[in-house]
């Protein structure tokens, strides 16, 4: 790593720790000059990171795993020394689809259970498959919307059509009728609601409490300059704690609203940061957070859980070699060395009560009746 650290980000609220580290001087205090480059899509960020145009990136949690395993693209060695955010995503359906869901059930359509059951009845009665958007095949969004669908008995690869759309284009795709709903990070769900095109029916916090979302991905070679890497981790961790402090929410929203970052109204961004999302019933503090309660520590069990989702939906075969490689991607040791914290491992749970403790991916997958067999890994990302 160099004195100047070039970091890529996609314009989302959960890029806040990187942006705050630059704007509030946390990186500078650590002896680093942080240069932020906005990326148009996750595929663009991935390619620029792999080619060495970026020193690090604000990436989807599963993206470094897919890159290390070489799924659909060139293989590149990445490591994850820090989790940048947890939560922050939501599932939004068009107002038209929401009306259909409400009509068939006559009840609430909020929450993974109620909304999933209502959607299942709509799908059963439809002659044409619904189209639902997610941001990237190797993303928490993809796995969240799939889990939600499958828990309601809807097979995501047979009963509906899933497509990948960059986050900034998601609301426009809904407005144009190209998708009937989507799973995306904030602020795009709120934008859809405020513009009158969508209704939020579930959040990541509802589906996967404390679910890992964005991570800091760096090339494995960055570990050679341990002091620089520790400085980067430490400065981003301090920035994340600053972002979590509610006294800083208004200032952070103003920063994120700038043209170079999200270029959206500060008031809307502040709502996202505070978890005050229109129509959402999750506890605000659980909706999106960055560094508190050990959120920044990248646990190996969480990498294995993401690997299990890839296995479940046919992105990867059953392979001890691949699983062993996954175990080396998330690096809690680097976080602990930089931050001076460690935490006990916790089981990972979902809205259906099924837990994952990292012991056996194969046994975990036996819980599910709906899955997609592995044929060949392809990359339909954008």
Protein backbone atom coordinates (compact mmCIF):
# COMPACT_ATOMS: atom_id res chain seq x y z
CA UNK A 1 0.00 0.00 0.00
CA UNK A 2 1.07 3.61 -0.59
CA UNK A 3 0.79 6.87 1.34
CA UNK A 4 -2.12 7.62 -0.99
CA UNK A 5 -4.78 4.95 -0.72
CA UNK A 6 -7.20 4.83 -3.67
CA UNK A 7 -10.56 3.43 -2.61
CA UNK A 8 -13.51 2.59 -4.84
CA UNK A 9 -17.10 2.92 -3.69
CA UNK A 10 -20.61 2.60 -5.11
CA UNK A 11 -22.96 5.51 -4.20
CA UNK A 12 -24.85 3.97 -1.30
CA UNK A 13 -25.46 5.06 2.28
CA UNK A 14 -23.34 2.16 3.54
CA UNK A 15 -20.23 3.68 1.93
CA UNK A 16 -20.37 6.09 4.88
CA UNK A 17 -17.28 4.83 6.78
CA UNK A 18 -15.00 5.33 3.76
CA UNK A 19 -16.44 8.75 3.01
CA UNK A 20 -16.32 9.84 6.66
CA UNK A 21 -12.73 8.61 6.99
CA UNK A 22 -11.81 11.00 4.18
CA UNK A 23 -14.05 13.95 5.00
CA UNK A 24 -13.60 13.93 8.79
CA UNK A 25 -9.87 13.33 8.74
CA UNK A 26 -9.67 9.86 10.30
CA UNK A 27 -7.46 8.63 7.46
CA UNK A 28 -5.28 11.71 7.59
CA UNK A 29 -4.78 11.29 11.33
CA UNK A 30 -3.54 7.76 10.59
CA UNK A 31 -0.98 9.10 8.11
CA UNK A 32 -2.94 8.19 5.00
CA UNK A 33 -4.25 10.26 2.11
CA UNK A 34 -7.52 8.59 1.15
CA UNK A 35 -8.65 9.20 -2.42
CA UNK A 36 -12.20 8.07 -3.20
CA UNK A 37 -13.31 7.02 -6.68
CA UNK A 38 -17.02 6.57 -7.34
CA UNK A 39 -17.88 3.43 -9.34
CA UNK A 40 -20.90 2.94 -11.58
CA UNK A 41 -21.47 -0.73 -10.71
CA UNK A 42 -20.15 -3.61 -8.65
CA UNK A 43 -18.62 -5.22 -11.73
CA UNK A 44 -16.74 -2.01 -12.47
CA UNK A 45 -15.44 -1.83 -8.92
CA UNK A 46 -14.45 -5.50 -9.02
CA UNK A 47 -12.53 -5.12 -12.28
CA UNK A 48 -10.73 -1.96 -11.19
CA UNK A 49 -9.76 -3.63 -7.91
CA UNK A 50 -8.53 -6.77 -9.64
CA UNK A 51 -6.50 -4.76 -12.18
CA UNK A 52 -4.75 -2.78 -9.47
CA UNK A 53 -6.42 0.55 -10.30
CA UNK A 54 -7.78 0.60 -6.73
CA UNK A 55 -5.96 -0.15 -3.48
CA UNK A 56 -9.15 -1.19 -1.71
CA UNK A 57 -12.89 -1.20 -2.24
CA UNK A 58 -16.27 -0.88 -0.57
CA UNK A 59 -17.60 -4.20 -1.82
CA UNK A 60 -20.46 -6.60 -1.41
CA UNK A 61 -19.72 -9.22 1.24
CA UNK A 62 -19.71 -12.20 -1.17
CA UNK A 63 -17.79 -10.42 -3.95
CA UNK A 64 -14.26 -11.06 -2.60
CA UNK A 65 -15.15 -14.72 -2.05
CA UNK A 66 -16.36 -15.07 -5.64
CA UNK A 67 -13.20 -13.29 -6.85
CA UNK A 68 -10.87 -15.53 -4.85
CA UNK A 69 -12.66 -18.61 -6.21
CA UNK A 70 -12.65 -17.22 -9.76
CA UNK A 71 -16.37 -17.68 -10.35
CA UNK A 72 -17.17 -16.55 -13.88
CA UNK A 73 -14.20 -14.18 -13.99
CA UNK A 74 -10.44 -14.19 -13.54
CA UNK A 75 -9.25 -15.42 -10.17
CA UNK A 76 -7.68 -12.73 -7.98
CA UNK A 77 -6.39 -12.94 -4.40
CA UNK A 78 -8.37 -10.63 -2.12
CA UNK A 79 -8.76 -10.49 1.65
CA UNK A 80 -11.33 -8.85 3.91
CA UNK A 81 -9.88 -7.30 7.07
CA UNK A 82 -12.94 -5.21 7.98
CA UNK A 83 -16.73 -5.25 7.72
CA UNK A 84 -17.96 -1.81 6.68
CA UNK A 85 -21.68 -2.25 7.39
CA UNK A 86 -24.45 -4.56 8.51
CA UNK A 87 -28.05 -4.35 7.35
CA UNK A 88 -29.16 -1.46 5.18
CA UNK A 89 -30.99 -3.38 2.44
CA UNK A 90 -34.70 -3.75 1.80
CA UNK A 91 -37.08 -5.51 -0.55
CA UNK A 92 -39.37 -3.12 -2.40
CA UNK A 93 -42.23 -4.06 -4.72
CA UNK A 94 -44.06 -1.84 -7.19
CA UNK A 95 -47.23 -0.19 -5.97
CA UNK A 96 -49.12 -2.29 -8.52
CA UNK A 97 -47.68 -5.54 -7.17
CA UNK A 98 -48.25 -4.37 -3.59
CA UNK A 99 -51.94 -3.82 -4.40
CA UNK A 100 -52.18 -7.33 -5.88
CA UNK A 101 -50.51 -8.83 -2.82
CA UNK A 102 -52.81 -6.94 -0.47
CA UNK A 103 -55.88 -7.96 -2.47
CA UNK A 104 -55.15 -11.69 -2.29
CA UNK A 105 -54.46 -11.74 1.44
CA UNK A 106 -56.53 -8.91 2.89
CA UNK A 107 -53.86 -8.64 5.57
CA UNK A 108 -50.52 -6.98 6.16
CA UNK A 109 -47.90 -7.46 3.49
CA UNK A 110 -45.00 -6.30 5.63
CA UNK A 111 -42.38 -8.68 6.97
CA UNK A 112 -40.74 -11.79 5.47
CA UNK A 113 -43.61 -14.11 6.39
CA UNK A 114 -46.66 -12.03 5.50
CA UNK A 115 -45.18 -10.54 2.36
CA UNK A 116 -43.81 -13.89 1.19
CA UNK A 117 -47.15 -15.65 1.62
CA UNK A 118 -48.97 -12.86 -0.22
CA UNK A 119 -46.47 -12.94 -3.07
CA UNK A 120 -46.75 -16.73 -3.32
CA UNK A 121 -50.50 -16.41 -3.93
CA UNK A 122 -49.89 -13.77 -6.61
CA UNK A 123 -47.28 -15.97 -8.29
CA UNK A 124 -49.64 -18.95 -8.25
CA UNK A 125 -52.37 -16.89 -9.91
CA UNK A 126 -50.12 -15.24 -12.51
CA UNK A 127 -49.80 -16.37 -16.11
CA UNK A 128 -46.55 -14.45 -16.59
CA UNK A 129 -43.51 -14.68 -14.34
CA UNK A 130 -42.68 -11.65 -12.21
CA UNK A 131 -39.31 -9.99 -12.75
CA UNK A 132 -37.37 -9.02 -9.65
CA UNK A 133 -34.12 -7.08 -9.48
CA UNK A 134 -31.04 -7.50 -7.33
CA UNK A 135 -27.73 -5.72 -7.64
CA UNK A 136 -25.28 -8.53 -8.46
CA UNK A 137 -25.25 -12.34 -8.47
CA UNK A 138 -22.65 -12.47 -5.68
CA UNK A 139 -24.38 -10.14 -3.24
CA UNK A 140 -26.30 -10.22 -0.01
CA UNK A 141 -29.21 -8.73 -1.98
CA UNK A 142 -29.37 -11.79 -4.22
CA UNK A 143 -29.25 -14.18 -1.28
CA UNK A 144 -31.79 -12.16 0.74
CA UNK A 145 -34.40 -12.02 -2.00
CA UNK A 146 -33.82 -15.71 -2.75
CA UNK A 147 -34.16 -16.68 0.91
CA UNK A 148 -37.37 -14.63 1.19
CA UNK A 149 -38.84 -16.22 -1.92
CA UNK A 150 -37.82 -19.77 -1.04
CA UNK A 151 -39.14 -19.47 2.54
CA UNK A 152 -42.55 -18.76 0.97
CA UNK A 153 -42.30 -21.75 -1.37
CA UNK A 154 -41.36 -19.68 -4.44
CA UNK A 155 -38.41 -21.09 -6.36
CA UNK A 156 -36.26 -18.09 -7.38
CA UNK A 157 -34.91 -19.83 -10.50
CA UNK A 158 -38.18 -21.37 -11.70
CA UNK A 159 -41.17 -19.35 -10.48
CA UNK A 160 -39.85 -15.81 -11.01
CA UNK A 161 -37.16 -14.11 -13.08
CA UNK A 162 -34.21 -12.52 -11.26
CA UNK A 163 -32.10 -9.90 -13.02
CA UNK A 164 -29.02 -7.90 -11.99
CA UNK A 165 -29.26 -4.08 -12.10
CA UNK A 166 -26.77 -1.49 -10.76
CA UNK A 167 -28.15 0.23 -7.64
CA UNK A 168 -28.45 3.73 -9.18
CA UNK A 169 -30.66 2.32 -11.97
CA UNK A 170 -32.95 0.27 -9.76
CA UNK A 171 -35.67 2.88 -9.16
CA UNK A 172 -35.74 3.88 -12.83
CA UNK A 173 -36.17 0.20 -13.76
CA UNK A 174 -39.15 -0.01 -11.40
CA UNK A 175 -40.65 3.22 -12.76
CA UNK A 176 -40.26 1.95 -16.33
CA UNK A 177 -42.01 -1.33 -15.48
CA UNK A 178 -38.94 -3.41 -16.29
CA UNK A 179 -39.05 -5.00 -12.83
CA UNK A 180 -41.90 -5.71 -10.42
CA UNK A 181 -39.71 -5.34 -7.35
CA UNK A 182 -36.15 -5.41 -6.14
CA UNK A 183 -33.72 -5.84 -3.29
CA UNK A 184 -31.24 -2.97 -2.98
CA UNK A 185 -29.41 -0.93 -0.37
CA UNK A 186 -30.44 2.47 0.86
CA UNK A 187 -31.26 5.09 -0.18
CA UNK A 188 -32.85 3.54 -3.29
CA UNK A 189 -35.74 1.86 -1.49
CA UNK A 190 -36.65 5.17 0.13
CA UNK A 191 -36.32 6.93 -3.22
CA UNK A 192 -38.81 4.48 -4.77
CA UNK A 193 -41.29 5.09 -1.94
CA UNK A 194 -40.90 8.88 -1.96
CA UNK A 195 -41.39 8.97 -5.74
CA UNK A 196 -44.57 6.89 -5.43
CA UNK A 197 -43.36 3.85 -7.37
CA UNK A 198 -42.72 1.33 -4.61
CA UNK A 199 -43.62 -0.10 -1.22
CA UNK A 200 -41.10 -1.72 1.14
CA UNK A 201 -42.17 -5.18 2.34
CA UNK A 202 -39.11 -6.45 4.27
CA UNK A 203 -35.59 -5.46 5.26
CA UNK A 204 -32.31 -7.29 5.61
CA UNK A 205 -32.66 -6.83 9.37
CA UNK A 206 -35.97 -8.74 9.18
CA UNK A 207 -34.52 -11.58 7.10
CA UNK A 208 -30.97 -11.85 8.48
CA UNK A 209 -30.52 -10.02 11.80
CA UNK A 210 -26.99 -8.57 12.10
CA UNK A 211 -26.42 -9.68 8.53
CA UNK A 212 -23.07 -8.73 7.03
CA UNK A 213 -23.45 -6.35 4.08
CA UNK A 214 -20.45 -4.37 2.78
CA UNK A 215 -16.82 -5.16 3.46
CA UNK A 216 -13.43 -3.64 2.82
CA UNK A 217 -11.69 -5.74 0.17
CA UNK A 218 -7.96 -5.36 -0.42
CA UNK A 219 -5.50 -7.30 -2.57
CA UNK A 220 -3.73 -9.98 -0.55
CA UNK A 221 -0.40 -8.29 -1.26
CA UNK A 222 -1.49 -5.38 0.98
CA UNK A 223 -0.67 -7.57 3.96
CA UNK A 224 3.03 -7.17 3.14
CA UNK A 225 2.85 -3.58 4.40
CA UNK A 226 1.28 -4.44 7.72
CA UNK A 227 1.60 -1.00 9.29
CA UNK A 228 -0.17 0.71 6.41
CA UNK A 229 -2.94 -1.88 6.38
CA UNK A 230 -3.40 -1.53 10.15
CA UNK A 231 -3.59 2.25 9.74
CA UNK A 232 -6.31 1.88 7.11
CA UNK A 233 -8.32 -0.61 9.19
CA UNK A 234 -8.01 1.49 12.32
CA UNK A 235 -9.01 4.74 10.62
CA UNK A 236 -12.06 3.15 8.98
CA UNK A 237 -13.10 1.54 12.26
CA UNK A 238 -12.96 4.92 14.01
CA UNK A 239 -14.91 6.46 11.14
CA UNK A 240 -17.53 3.69 11.44
CA UNK A 241 -18.01 4.41 15.15
CA UNK A 242 -18.39 8.11 14.32
CA UNK A 243 -21.03 7.22 11.72
CA UNK A 244 -22.95 5.18 14.29
CA UNK A 245 -23.19 8.10 16.71
CA UNK A 246 -26.68 9.59 16.28
CA UNK A 247 -25.32 13.04 17.18
CA UNK A 248 -23.42 12.94 13.89
CA UNK A 249 -26.28 11.78 11.68
CA UNK A 250 -27.25 15.19 10.31
CA UNK A 251 -23.64 16.10 9.50
CA UNK A 252 -22.99 12.72 7.92
CA UNK A 253 -26.15 13.01 5.80
CA UNK A 254 -24.98 16.42 4.56
CA UNK A 255 -21.61 14.94 3.60
CA UNK A 256 -23.12 11.95 1.80
CA UNK A 257 -25.58 14.17 -0.07
CA UNK A 258 -22.77 15.95 -1.93
CA UNK A 259 -22.53 15.63 -5.71
CA UNK A 260 -19.35 13.54 -5.55
CA UNK A 261 -21.01 10.97 -3.32
CA UNK A 262 -24.75 10.15 -3.41
CA UNK A 263 -26.06 13.44 -4.89
CA UNK A 264 -29.41 13.01 -3.14
CA UNK A 265 -31.35 15.06 -0.54
CA UNK A 266 -29.68 15.05 2.87
CA UNK A 267 -33.02 14.61 4.65
CA UNK A 268 -33.68 11.33 2.84
CA UNK A 269 -30.16 10.07 3.59
CA UNK A 270 -30.59 11.02 7.26
CA UNK A 271 -33.72 8.86 7.42
CA UNK A 272 -31.77 5.92 6.02
CA UNK A 273 -28.95 6.40 8.51
CA UNK A 274 -31.43 6.59 11.39
CA UNK A 275 -33.39 3.55 10.21
CA UNK A 276 -36.52 5.67 9.81
CA UNK A 277 -37.50 4.13 6.48
CA UNK A 278 -41.03 4.73 5.15
CA UNK A 279 -43.24 1.79 6.06
CA UNK A 280 -40.48 -0.20 7.78
CA UNK A 281 -41.30 -1.74 11.17
CA UNK A 282 -37.85 -3.03 12.11
CA UNK A 283 -36.17 -1.43 15.10
CA UNK A 284 -34.37 1.65 13.75
CA UNK A 285 -31.07 0.79 15.46
CA UNK A 286 -31.04 -2.62 13.76
CA UNK A 287 -31.66 -1.39 10.24
CA UNK A 288 -28.14 -0.19 9.38
CA UNK A 289 -25.00 0.19 11.44
CA UNK A 290 -21.28 0.27 10.87
CA UNK A 291 -18.93 -0.33 13.80
CA UNK A 292 -20.77 -0.78 17.08
CA UNK A 293 -21.12 -4.07 18.94
CA UNK A 294 -18.21 -5.64 17.11
CA UNK A 295 -19.85 -5.08 13.72
CA UNK A 296 -16.54 -4.46 11.98
CA UNK A 297 -15.00 -7.85 12.76
CA UNK A 298 -15.03 -10.18 9.70
CA UNK A 299 -15.76 -13.66 11.04
CA UNK A 300 -14.78 -16.80 9.15
CA UNK A 301 -18.21 -18.27 9.96
CA UNK A 302 -19.85 -15.43 8.03
CA UNK A 303 -17.70 -16.16 4.99
CA UNK A 304 -18.74 -19.81 5.21
CA UNK A 305 -22.41 -18.79 5.46
CA UNK A 306 -22.04 -16.77 2.25
CA UNK A 307 -20.32 -19.78 0.67
CA UNK A 308 -23.32 -21.89 1.74
CA UNK A 309 -25.71 -19.52 -0.06
CA UNK A 310 -23.58 -19.79 -3.20
CA UNK A 311 -23.73 -23.56 -2.88
CA UNK A 312 -27.50 -23.56 -2.31
CA UNK A 313 -28.23 -21.58 -5.45
CA UNK A 314 -25.94 -23.44 -7.83
CA UNK A 315 -23.10 -20.95 -8.06
CA UNK A 316 -20.56 -23.44 -6.68
CA UNK A 317 -20.15 -27.21 -6.42
CA UNK A 318 -19.68 -29.17 -3.20
CA UNK A 319 -15.89 -28.90 -2.85
CA UNK A 320 -13.65 -29.18 0.24
CA UNK A 321 -10.94 -27.33 -1.67
CA UNK A 322 -13.19 -24.35 -2.38
CA UNK A 323 -14.41 -24.31 1.21
CA UNK A 324 -10.81 -24.29 2.45
CA UNK A 325 -10.05 -21.31 0.19
CA UNK A 326 -13.08 -19.44 1.55
CA UNK A 327 -11.76 -19.84 5.10
CA UNK A 328 -8.81 -17.63 4.21
CA UNK A 329 -10.74 -14.66 2.78
CA UNK A 330 -12.21 -13.05 5.92
CA UNK A 331 -9.36 -12.10 8.26
CA UNK A 332 -10.45 -11.42 11.86
CA UNK A 333 -6.77 -11.60 12.90
CA UNK A 334 -5.99 -8.45 10.90
CA UNK A 335 -8.95 -6.64 12.42
CA UNK A 336 -7.97 -7.70 15.94
CA UNK A 337 -4.36 -6.56 15.42
CA UNK A 338 -5.44 -3.12 14.15
CA UNK A 339 -8.36 -2.44 16.48
CA UNK A 340 -7.35 -4.41 19.55
CA UNK A 341 -10.71 -6.13 19.81
CA UNK A 342 -11.95 -9.67 19.49
CA UNK A 343 -15.35 -11.22 20.02
CA UNK A 344 -16.84 -14.62 20.64
CA UNK A 345 -18.30 -16.37 17.63
CA UNK A 346 -22.08 -16.32 17.37
CA UNK A 347 -24.42 -18.52 15.39
CA UNK A 348 -25.94 -16.88 12.32
CA UNK A 349 -29.74 -16.94 12.18
CA UNK A 350 -32.45 -16.16 9.67
CA UNK A 351 -36.12 -15.23 9.76
CA UNK A 352 -37.17 -18.91 9.60
CA UNK A 353 -35.20 -19.80 12.73
CA UNK A 354 -32.61 -21.91 10.91
CA UNK A 355 -29.15 -21.28 12.35
CA UNK A 356 -25.66 -21.70 10.95
CA UNK A 357 -22.67 -22.12 13.24
CA UNK A 358 -20.00 -22.75 10.62
CA UNK A 359 -19.59 -26.39 11.58
CA UNK A 360 -20.83 -28.09 8.41
CA UNK A 361 -22.02 -26.35 5.26
CA UNK A 362 -23.36 -29.63 3.93
CA UNK A 363 -25.52 -30.32 7.01
CA UNK A 364 -26.80 -26.75 6.98
CA UNK A 365 -27.93 -27.07 3.36
CA UNK A 366 -29.91 -30.21 4.20
CA UNK A 367 -32.45 -27.97 5.98
CA UNK A 368 -33.75 -26.60 2.67
CA UNK A 369 -36.12 -28.24 0.20
CA UNK A 370 -35.67 -25.56 -2.47
CA UNK A 371 -32.27 -25.14 -4.12
CA UNK A 372 -30.62 -25.03 -7.53
CA UNK A 373 -28.10 -27.67 -8.57
CA UNK A 374 -24.66 -26.58 -9.70
CA UNK A 375 -24.14 -26.88 -13.46
CA UNK A 376 -21.54 -24.29 -14.44
CA UNK A 377 -20.70 -20.97 -12.83
CA UNK A 378 -21.56 -17.96 -14.98
CA UNK A 379 -21.35 -14.25 -14.35
CA UNK A 380 -24.38 -12.21 -15.33
CA UNK A 381 -23.26 -9.26 -13.25
CA UNK A 382 -23.31 -5.73 -14.58
